[in-house]
Amino acid sequence: QVQLVESGGGLVQPGGSLRVSCAASEMVFNYYDMGWYRQAPAPGKQRELVATIASGGTTHYADSVKGRFTISRDNAKNTVYLQMNSLKPEDTAVYYCNTAPANLAYWGQGTQVTVSS
């Protein structure tokens, strides 16, 4: 059974930092590239890809987060992380992890990140 469980979200002030985590089933983690996605609360806002990391460690980032966010993976713990620095109010969203590209069957509950003073 595939499970992706996100955690670590919260409320942070603009300019602050936060790290979110995703614990993945071994069968997913060992065979797929992984990604972090987010969906902002605005009506009609689509879920967007934030960052990806290949099994070998190659990373890619959306232009909106490049230089501020860092994706990493701990293969021993089957966990993917997203370190978010210099956070902006427009980073407010529910953050999800999934394979990259995403598998519709793997979406979890996500973790809420709110950037506000």
Protein backbone atom coordinates (compact mmCIF):
# COMPACT_ATOMS: atom_id res chain seq x y z
CA GLN A 1 0.00 0.00 0.00
CA VAL A 2 1.35 3.36 -1.05
CA GLN A 3 1.44 6.09 1.55
CA LEU A 4 2.76 9.62 1.37
CA VAL A 5 2.43 11.53 4.64
CA GLU A 6 3.33 15.20 4.75
CA SER A 7 4.17 17.08 7.93
CA GLY A 8 5.92 20.17 9.24
CA GLY A 9 3.69 22.95 8.00
CA GLY A 10 2.68 25.93 10.09
CA LEU A 11 2.47 29.68 10.40
CA VAL A 12 5.63 31.69 9.71
CA GLN A 13 6.35 35.37 9.24
CA PRO A 14 7.53 36.75 5.90
CA GLY A 15 11.25 36.22 5.54
CA GLY A 16 11.17 33.21 7.83
CA SER A 17 12.00 29.56 7.22
CA LEU A 18 10.20 26.26 7.48
CA ARG A 19 10.98 22.66 6.59
CA VAL A 20 8.27 20.24 5.51
CA SER A 21 8.74 16.48 5.35
CA CYS A 22 7.18 13.64 3.42
CA ALA A 23 7.43 10.05 4.63
CA ALA A 24 6.96 7.71 1.68
CA SER A 25 6.36 4.03 1.27
CA GLU A 26 9.54 2.22 0.32
CA MET A 27 8.03 0.90 -2.89
CA VAL A 28 7.45 4.44 -4.07
CA PHE A 29 10.58 6.03 -2.76
CA ASN A 30 13.03 3.55 -4.20
CA TYR A 31 11.73 3.59 -7.76
CA TYR A 32 10.48 7.08 -8.54
CA ASP A 33 11.61 10.65 -8.73
CA MET A 34 9.83 12.64 -6.04
CA GLY A 35 8.31 16.08 -6.06
CA TRP A 36 6.77 18.76 -3.89
CA TYR A 37 3.63 20.47 -5.13
CA ARG A 38 1.46 23.22 -3.70
CA GLN A 39 -2.02 24.59 -4.09
CA ALA A 40 -2.77 28.13 -3.02
CA PRO A 41 -6.15 28.98 -1.46
CA ALA A 42 -7.32 31.35 -4.21
CA PRO A 43 -10.40 30.12 -6.11
CA GLY A 44 -9.45 28.33 -9.32
CA LYS A 45 -5.80 28.13 -8.41
CA GLN A 46 -4.24 25.00 -9.87
CA ARG A 47 -1.89 22.72 -8.00
CA GLU A 48 1.63 23.53 -9.14
CA LEU A 49 4.94 21.73 -9.11
CA VAL A 50 7.46 23.35 -6.79
CA ALA A 51 10.51 21.11 -6.90
CA THR A 52 11.62 17.63 -7.92
CA ILE A 53 14.45 15.33 -6.95
CA ALA A 54 15.58 12.28 -8.85
CA SER A 55 16.64 9.07 -7.18
CA GLY A 56 20.21 10.05 -8.01
CA GLY A 57 19.82 13.48 -6.44
CA THR A 58 19.33 15.77 -9.43
CA THR A 59 17.00 18.61 -8.53
CA HIS A 60 14.77 21.05 -10.40
CA TYR A 61 12.83 24.05 -9.13
CA ALA A 62 10.03 26.29 -10.24
CA ASP A 63 11.28 29.77 -11.07
CA SER A 64 9.17 31.23 -8.25
CA VAL A 65 11.13 29.34 -5.57
CA LYS A 66 14.56 29.00 -7.14
CA GLY A 67 17.26 30.18 -4.74
CA ARG A 68 14.91 30.07 -1.75
CA PHE A 69 13.73 26.44 -1.52
CA THR A 70 15.84 23.28 -1.34
CA ILE A 71 14.52 19.77 -1.91
CA SER A 72 16.41 16.80 -0.49
CA ARG A 73 15.88 13.13 0.22
CA ASP A 74 17.05 10.73 2.90
CA ASN A 75 17.08 7.32 1.29
CA ALA A 76 17.62 5.54 4.61
CA LYS A 77 14.43 7.07 6.00
CA ASN A 78 12.35 7.07 2.79
CA THR A 79 11.75 10.75 3.41
CA VAL A 80 11.75 13.80 1.19
CA TYR A 81 12.23 17.28 2.59
CA LEU A 82 11.55 20.79 1.38
CA GLN A 83 13.53 23.49 3.14
CA MET A 84 11.87 26.84 2.55
CA ASN A 85 13.76 30.06 3.26
CA SER A 86 12.93 33.73 2.69
CA LEU A 87 9.26 32.84 2.68
CA LYS A 88 6.78 35.23 1.09
CA PRO A 89 3.02 35.60 1.60
CA GLU A 90 2.52 34.20 -1.91
CA ASP A 91 4.10 30.93 -0.73
CA THR A 92 0.99 30.33 1.39
CA ALA A 93 -0.52 27.04 0.23
CA VAL A 94 -1.14 23.43 1.07
CA TYR A 95 2.05 21.55 0.24
CA TYR A 96 1.88 17.99 -1.07
CA CYS A 97 4.46 15.42 -2.04
CA ASN A 98 4.02 12.89 -4.81
CA THR A 99 6.04 11.14 -7.44
CA ALA A 100 7.31 13.20 -10.34
CA PRO A 101 5.37 13.19 -12.52
CA ALA A 102 2.50 12.94 -10.07
CA ASN A 103 0.37 9.84 -9.68
CA LEU A 104 -3.26 10.77 -9.11
CA ALA A 105 -3.71 7.87 -6.73
CA TYR A 106 -0.95 9.02 -4.39
CA TRP A 107 -2.20 12.45 -3.27
CA GLY A 108 -2.26 12.73 0.51
CA GLN A 109 -3.70 15.34 2.86
CA GLY A 110 -0.86 17.78 2.45
CA THR A 111 0.46 20.18 5.05
CA GLN A 112 -0.63 23.81 5.35
CA VAL A 113 2.00 26.52 5.14
CA THR A 114 0.86 30.04 5.96
CA VAL A 115 3.17 33.02 5.55
CA SER A 116 1.75 36.03 7.33
CA SER A 117 2.71 38.73 9.79
